[in-house]
Amino acid sequence: MPKVDVRSILAVLSAAVIVGSGSPLVGAPSIGDAVAGASATIADNLSEGPHLGFDTFSYPGDDAMRAWLTADKPYRWVGYYLSAPCHNDDSWVGKRETLSTMGWGMAVIYVGQQTWGRTPGQKVAVTRYITKRVKQVKTRNGRRVVRYVNKRVPVRVLVVPRASKGASCSTQFVSAARGTADANDAIAKTAAEGFARGTVIFLDLERMESVPAAMRDYYRAWTQRVLEDGRFRPAYYAHSFNANLVYRDVKQVLAGAGVSADPPFWIASERGFSIDKAPEEVGHAFAQVWQGLLDVVETHNGVRLPIDVNVGRLPSPSEDYPAGE
């Protein structure tokens, strides 16, 4: 979202109200004092969180986004999905400027490779059919007749799974090399959308019961490449169950690049969520965003959408992150 000089706008509006009355109010403060006081108060209120946001798979449409921005429930930012390996919908492409002009804040999301409950490269048992020469014995006219025939029989074998032909999203793609390649993809697409230097890109890592070594290699390589490029900043969407491990891993990568500040994290957890809570109340001090309601449907100004509900420290989680951190 473009940086708006709130104090300047308030100054103009306040001056217009006072001047428009035709005469100064008795006992009223000067225009300068009134503008300064009101501007400071409102600007402080605008900067305080939490800031309510939502994300949804496909772009809802311009009219829907306008309707929701003016609804009673104060959603102020939205998840902005880049076309990615595990999110092949491109309906958000080209909508950054439109949303920014409307006044929406944004959180840029890149859904990279996932494990989907499997371990990359791990062999699995599958059923294969082989042709086997089988002995058959029959009785004809009181005599035993033996013959051999070819017959297809099932056998269980261990194989290393391969990604489906033409697939872009697969457990078998999870590796350091693919982490680097996907980082280049995320960088190029973020730049193509017109996001400014320093924009935060959230790498989406869905919940894992255990995090395989290949996945740790993947997101560390992704982080390293984004840092090397230097145009944008790495950030992470992770379930609370995995957040501490991912945080420790990427913190080491950042430290190696001379970055001391915590990386931005978008934490998913429904436990204890409320829209008036701060993100860090999810239980992780490094949380910038807390996603606490998943797969709900809301209607505002006559527009019904399936969404996830989030609270953020900042009104535009990808664009307002402090520079130099």
Protein backbone atom coordinates (compact mmCIF):
# COMPACT_ATOMS: atom_id res chain seq x y z
CA MET A 1 0.00 0.00 0.00
CA PRO A 2 1.41 3.46 -0.85
CA LYS A 3 2.71 5.43 2.09
CA VAL A 4 0.08 8.06 2.89
CA ASP A 5 1.03 11.20 4.81
CA VAL A 6 -1.88 11.02 7.23
CA ARG A 7 -0.95 14.19 9.07
CA SER A 8 -0.95 16.24 5.87
CA ILE A 9 -4.41 15.00 4.91
CA LEU A 10 -5.76 15.69 8.37
CA ALA A 11 -4.25 19.15 8.35
CA VAL A 12 -6.08 20.06 5.16
CA LEU A 13 -9.39 18.68 6.42
CA SER A 14 -9.12 20.34 9.82
CA ALA A 15 -8.23 23.69 8.31
CA ALA A 16 -11.13 23.43 5.90
CA VAL A 17 -13.60 22.85 8.74
CA ILE A 18 -12.38 25.80 10.78
CA VAL A 19 -12.07 28.18 7.85
CA GLY A 20 -15.42 27.09 6.46
CA SER A 21 -17.19 28.30 9.61
CA GLY A 22 -16.46 31.88 8.61
CA SER A 23 -15.08 32.94 11.98
CA PRO A 24 -12.86 31.54 14.69
CA LEU A 25 -14.54 29.70 17.55
CA VAL A 26 -14.36 31.38 20.95
CA GLY A 27 -11.94 29.59 23.20
CA ALA A 28 -10.89 27.25 20.40
CA PRO A 29 -7.22 26.44 19.90
CA SER A 30 -5.40 27.83 16.90
CA ILE A 31 -5.70 26.03 13.59
CA GLY A 32 -2.11 24.88 13.91
CA ASP A 33 -2.63 23.48 17.40
CA ALA A 34 -5.91 21.80 16.45
CA VAL A 35 -4.43 20.20 13.37
CA ALA A 36 -1.31 19.04 15.20
CA GLY A 37 -3.26 17.56 18.08
CA ALA A 38 -5.87 15.79 15.96
CA SER A 39 -3.29 14.54 13.49
CA ALA A 40 -1.08 13.11 16.19
CA THR A 41 -3.97 11.32 17.90
CA ILE A 42 -5.40 9.79 14.72
CA ALA A 43 -2.01 8.86 13.29
CA ASP A 44 -1.15 7.08 16.53
CA ASN A 45 -4.42 5.18 16.41
CA LEU A 46 -3.79 4.14 12.81
CA SER A 47 -0.35 2.78 13.68
CA GLU A 48 -1.58 0.59 16.53
CA GLY A 49 -2.37 -3.04 15.87
CA PRO A 50 -3.64 -5.56 15.55
CA HIS A 51 -4.62 -5.02 11.93
CA LEU A 52 -7.27 -7.35 10.58
CA GLY A 53 -6.61 -9.14 7.29
CA PHE A 54 -7.88 -12.09 5.30
CA ASP A 55 -6.62 -14.46 2.64
CA THR A 56 -8.55 -16.44 0.06
CA PHE A 57 -7.44 -18.75 -2.76
CA SER A 58 -8.63 -16.79 -5.81
CA TYR A 59 -8.96 -13.07 -6.39
CA PRO A 60 -12.53 -12.12 -5.41
CA GLY A 61 -12.86 -9.39 -8.04
CA ASP A 62 -12.52 -5.62 -7.92
CA ASP A 63 -16.12 -4.97 -6.87
CA ALA A 64 -15.88 -7.49 -4.04
CA MET A 65 -12.66 -5.95 -2.75
CA ARG A 66 -14.22 -2.47 -2.76
CA ALA A 67 -17.26 -3.79 -0.94
CA TRP A 68 -15.21 -5.47 1.78
CA LEU A 69 -12.98 -2.45 2.31
CA THR A 70 -16.01 -0.35 3.27
CA ALA A 71 -17.69 -3.06 5.39
CA ASP A 72 -18.39 -2.75 9.11
CA LYS A 73 -15.75 -5.38 9.89
CA PRO A 74 -12.48 -3.50 9.42
CA TYR A 75 -10.41 -5.71 7.13
CA ARG A 76 -7.44 -3.64 6.02
CA TRP A 77 -5.05 -6.04 4.31
CA VAL A 78 -5.26 -9.14 2.14
CA GLY A 79 -3.02 -12.08 1.26
CA TYR A 80 -1.64 -11.58 -2.25
CA TYR A 81 -0.94 -14.96 -3.88
CA LEU A 82 1.79 -15.14 -6.46
CA SER A 83 1.42 -17.85 -9.06
CA ALA A 84 3.59 -20.58 -7.52
CA PRO A 85 4.42 -24.30 -7.78
CA CYS A 86 1.73 -25.34 -5.30
CA HIS A 87 -0.69 -22.49 -6.07
CA ASN A 88 -1.21 -22.50 -9.81
CA ASP A 89 -4.07 -19.99 -9.77
CA ASP A 90 -3.04 -16.73 -11.44
CA SER A 91 -6.13 -14.64 -10.65
CA TRP A 92 -4.13 -12.24 -8.41
CA VAL A 93 -1.64 -11.43 -11.17
CA GLY A 94 -1.70 -7.75 -12.09
CA LYS A 95 -3.89 -6.70 -9.15
CA ARG A 96 -1.27 -5.06 -6.94
CA GLU A 97 -1.80 -1.55 -8.27
CA THR A 98 -5.59 -1.91 -8.18
CA LEU A 99 -5.57 -3.04 -4.56
CA SER A 100 -3.04 -0.41 -3.56
CA THR A 101 -5.14 2.33 -5.13
CA MET A 102 -8.20 1.11 -3.25
CA GLY A 103 -6.25 1.35 0.00
CA TRP A 104 -5.65 -2.33 0.73
CA GLY A 105 -2.50 -3.46 2.52
CA MET A 106 -0.97 -6.71 1.27
CA ALA A 107 0.94 -9.79 2.41
CA VAL A 108 2.75 -11.43 -0.52
CA ILE A 109 2.47 -15.24 -0.45
CA TYR A 110 4.53 -17.80 -2.38
CA VAL A 111 3.32 -21.39 -1.93
CA GLY A 112 6.46 -23.40 -2.52
CA GLN A 113 7.01 -27.15 -2.49
CA GLN A 114 5.31 -29.19 0.23
CA THR A 115 5.86 -32.61 1.79
CA TRP A 116 2.17 -33.53 1.99
CA GLY A 117 2.90 -35.95 4.83
CA ARG A 118 5.62 -37.82 2.92
CA THR A 119 9.41 -37.93 3.01
CA PRO A 120 11.16 -36.90 -0.21
CA GLY A 121 13.10 -39.78 -1.75
CA GLN A 122 11.74 -42.37 0.67
CA LYS A 123 10.90 -45.70 -0.92
CA VAL A 124 7.30 -46.86 -0.83
CA ALA A 125 5.75 -50.30 -1.40
CA VAL A 126 3.68 -50.63 -4.54
CA THR A 127 2.03 -53.51 -6.35
CA ARG A 128 3.53 -54.46 -9.70
CA TYR A 129 2.52 -57.26 -12.03
CA ILE A 130 5.08 -59.58 -13.53
CA THR A 131 4.83 -62.45 -15.99
CA LYS A 132 5.71 -65.73 -14.37
CA ARG A 133 5.97 -69.25 -15.84
CA VAL A 134 3.51 -71.38 -13.86
CA LYS A 135 3.17 -75.15 -13.76
CA GLN A 136 -0.33 -76.48 -14.39
CA VAL A 137 -1.40 -80.10 -13.82
CA LYS A 138 -4.66 -81.45 -15.24
CA THR A 139 -6.16 -84.90 -15.59
CA ARG A 140 -7.32 -86.06 -18.99
CA ASN A 141 -8.75 -89.48 -19.60
CA GLY A 142 -7.35 -90.63 -16.30
CA ARG A 143 -3.87 -89.38 -17.10
CA ARG A 144 -2.02 -86.48 -15.50
CA VAL A 145 -1.06 -83.80 -17.98
CA VAL A 146 1.55 -81.24 -17.04
CA ARG A 147 2.10 -78.01 -18.87
CA TYR A 148 3.65 -74.62 -18.27
CA VAL A 149 1.87 -71.33 -18.97
CA ASN A 150 2.74 -67.64 -18.63
CA LYS A 151 0.61 -65.86 -16.05
CA ARG A 152 0.56 -62.26 -14.69
CA VAL A 153 0.94 -62.26 -10.92
CA PRO A 154 1.04 -59.37 -8.38
CA VAL A 155 4.19 -58.69 -6.37
CA ARG A 156 5.05 -55.98 -3.79
CA VAL A 157 8.18 -53.98 -4.55
CA LEU A 158 9.90 -50.93 -3.04
CA VAL A 159 10.34 -47.96 -5.36
CA VAL A 160 11.36 -44.30 -5.12
CA PRO A 161 8.30 -42.27 -6.18
CA ARG A 162 8.59 -39.82 -9.05
CA ALA A 163 6.61 -36.68 -9.67
CA SER A 164 3.81 -36.95 -12.17
CA LYS A 165 4.64 -35.86 -15.69
CA GLY A 166 4.13 -32.12 -16.05
CA ALA A 167 3.67 -31.55 -12.30
CA SER A 168 4.98 -28.38 -10.66
CA CYS A 169 4.20 -29.38 -7.08
CA SER A 170 5.49 -32.63 -5.63
CA THR A 171 7.10 -34.04 -2.51
CA GLN A 172 9.82 -35.34 -4.81
CA PHE A 173 10.77 -31.79 -5.78
CA VAL A 174 11.70 -30.84 -2.20
CA SER A 175 15.46 -30.22 -2.23
CA ALA A 176 18.02 -27.46 -1.85
CA ALA A 177 18.34 -27.10 -5.62
CA ARG A 178 14.59 -26.62 -5.99
CA GLY A 179 14.66 -24.14 -3.09
CA THR A 180 17.06 -21.97 -5.05
CA ALA A 181 15.02 -22.30 -8.24
CA ASP A 182 11.76 -21.46 -6.46
CA ALA A 183 13.38 -18.43 -4.81
CA ASN A 184 14.35 -17.13 -8.26
CA ASP A 185 10.75 -17.68 -9.36
CA ALA A 186 9.35 -15.84 -6.32
CA ILE A 187 11.75 -12.93 -6.84
CA ALA A 188 10.89 -12.58 -10.53
CA LYS A 189 7.14 -12.70 -9.92
CA THR A 190 7.25 -10.24 -7.03
CA ALA A 191 9.21 -7.82 -9.19
CA ALA A 192 6.85 -8.33 -12.13
CA GLU A 193 3.90 -7.37 -9.93
CA GLY A 194 5.56 -4.04 -9.22
CA PHE A 195 6.25 -4.47 -5.52
CA ALA A 196 8.91 -2.13 -4.16
CA ARG A 197 12.38 -3.14 -3.04
CA GLY A 198 12.30 -4.42 0.50
CA THR A 199 8.90 -6.08 0.11
CA VAL A 200 8.51 -9.15 2.32
CA ILE A 201 7.71 -12.47 0.57
CA PHE A 202 6.09 -15.10 2.78
CA LEU A 203 7.15 -18.63 1.79
CA ASP A 204 4.14 -20.83 2.55
CA LEU A 205 5.14 -24.02 4.41
CA GLU A 206 2.08 -26.08 5.29
CA ARG A 207 1.94 -28.07 8.54
CA MET A 208 4.20 -31.13 8.80
CA GLU A 209 4.06 -33.80 11.51
CA SER A 210 7.83 -34.03 11.08
CA VAL A 211 10.10 -31.88 8.95
CA PRO A 212 12.31 -33.98 6.66
CA ALA A 213 15.93 -32.99 6.13
CA ALA A 214 15.16 -32.29 2.46
CA MET A 215 12.52 -29.73 3.44
CA ARG A 216 14.93 -28.00 5.81
CA ASP A 217 17.44 -27.85 2.95
CA TYR A 218 14.70 -26.47 0.69
CA TYR A 219 13.64 -23.50 2.79
CA ARG A 220 17.19 -22.66 3.86
CA ALA A 221 18.28 -22.55 0.21
CA TRP A 222 15.22 -20.43 -0.64
CA THR A 223 16.17 -18.02 2.13
CA GLN A 224 19.80 -17.83 1.04
CA ARG A 225 18.87 -17.02 -2.54
CA VAL A 226 16.42 -14.25 -1.60
CA LEU A 227 19.09 -12.71 0.61
CA GLU A 228 21.72 -12.95 -2.13
CA ASP A 229 19.44 -11.24 -4.64
CA GLY A 230 18.81 -8.40 -2.20
CA ARG A 231 15.66 -6.91 -3.73
CA PHE A 232 13.14 -8.50 -1.39
CA ARG A 233 13.07 -9.97 2.08
CA PRO A 234 12.42 -13.58 3.08
CA ALA A 235 9.53 -14.37 5.42
CA TYR A 236 7.59 -17.49 6.31
CA TYR A 237 4.09 -18.83 6.74
CA ALA A 238 4.20 -21.82 9.09
CA HIS A 239 1.98 -23.70 11.48
CA SER A 240 2.69 -23.11 15.16
CA PHE A 241 3.67 -26.80 15.40
CA ASN A 242 6.63 -26.25 13.03
CA ALA A 243 7.38 -22.59 13.66
CA ASN A 244 10.20 -22.87 16.20
CA LEU A 245 12.24 -25.27 14.06
CA VAL A 246 11.80 -23.21 10.91
CA TYR A 247 12.65 -20.05 12.86
CA ARG A 248 15.90 -21.54 14.22
CA ASP A 249 16.94 -22.78 10.80
CA VAL A 250 16.35 -19.56 8.90
CA LYS A 251 17.70 -17.43 11.73
CA GLN A 252 21.05 -19.16 11.21
CA VAL A 253 20.95 -18.40 7.49
CA LEU A 254 20.16 -14.76 8.18
CA ALA A 255 22.91 -14.50 10.78
CA GLY A 256 25.38 -15.87 8.25
CA ALA A 257 24.36 -13.03 5.92
CA GLY A 258 24.82 -10.44 8.66
CA VAL A 259 21.12 -9.97 9.41
CA SER A 260 20.49 -9.86 13.17
CA ALA A 261 16.77 -9.09 13.29
CA ASP A 262 14.06 -11.72 13.46
CA PRO A 263 12.57 -12.76 10.11
CA PRO A 264 8.83 -12.04 9.76
CA PHE A 265 6.64 -15.06 10.52
CA TRP A 266 2.97 -15.65 9.73
CA ILE A 267 1.83 -18.27 12.22
CA ALA A 268 -1.22 -20.51 11.76
CA SER A 269 -3.00 -21.73 14.91
CA GLU A 270 -6.65 -21.66 15.88
CA ARG A 271 -5.97 -22.12 19.59
CA GLY A 272 -6.97 -19.06 21.63
CA PHE A 273 -7.41 -16.82 18.60
CA SER A 274 -9.31 -13.54 18.78
CA ILE A 275 -9.26 -10.63 16.35
CA ASP A 276 -8.35 -8.22 19.15
CA LYS A 277 -5.21 -10.15 20.11
CA ALA A 278 -1.69 -9.27 19.01
CA PRO A 279 0.10 -11.74 16.69
CA GLU A 280 2.73 -12.64 19.26
CA GLU A 281 -0.01 -13.92 21.57
CA VAL A 282 -0.06 -17.03 19.37
CA GLY A 283 2.89 -18.09 21.51
CA HIS A 284 5.80 -16.99 19.33
CA ALA A 285 7.46 -13.65 20.01
CA PHE A 286 8.66 -13.47 16.39
CA ALA A 287 5.13 -13.66 14.93
CA GLN A 288 4.19 -10.73 12.69
CA VAL A 289 0.88 -12.25 11.60
CA TRP A 290 -1.46 -14.73 13.32
CA GLN A 291 -3.86 -16.78 11.23
CA GLY A 292 -6.49 -18.03 13.64
CA LEU A 293 -9.71 -18.77 11.75
CA LEU A 294 -9.45 -21.14 8.80
CA ASP A 295 -11.95 -21.98 6.08
CA VAL A 296 -14.78 -19.73 7.26
CA VAL A 297 -17.34 -17.94 5.11
CA GLU A 298 -18.23 -14.30 5.72
CA THR A 299 -20.59 -11.88 3.99
CA HIS A 300 -19.97 -8.13 3.94
CA ASN A 301 -21.89 -5.57 1.91
CA GLY A 302 -23.66 -8.43 0.15
CA VAL A 303 -20.44 -10.17 -0.93
CA ARG A 304 -19.86 -13.71 0.39
CA LEU A 305 -16.30 -15.08 0.47
CA PRO A 306 -14.51 -18.18 1.83
CA ILE A 307 -11.56 -16.88 3.82
CA ASP A 308 -8.95 -17.36 6.52
CA VAL A 309 -8.90 -14.62 9.17
CA ASN A 310 -5.64 -13.04 10.35
CA VAL A 311 -4.33 -10.29 12.60
CA GLY A 312 -1.08 -8.49 11.80
CA ARG A 313 1.25 -6.14 13.62
CA LEU A 314 1.31 -3.92 10.54
CA PRO A 315 -1.44 -2.58 8.26
CA SER A 316 0.41 -3.96 5.23
CA PRO A 317 2.52 -6.94 6.39
CA SER A 318 4.68 -7.18 3.27
CA GLU A 319 5.11 -3.47 2.61
CA ASP A 320 5.29 -1.83 6.03
CA TYR A 321 8.00 -3.97 7.62
CA PRO A 322 10.61 -1.57 9.02
CA ALA A 323 13.55 -0.96 6.70
CA GLY A 324 16.94 -2.13 7.83
CA GLU A 325 15.64 -4.94 10.05
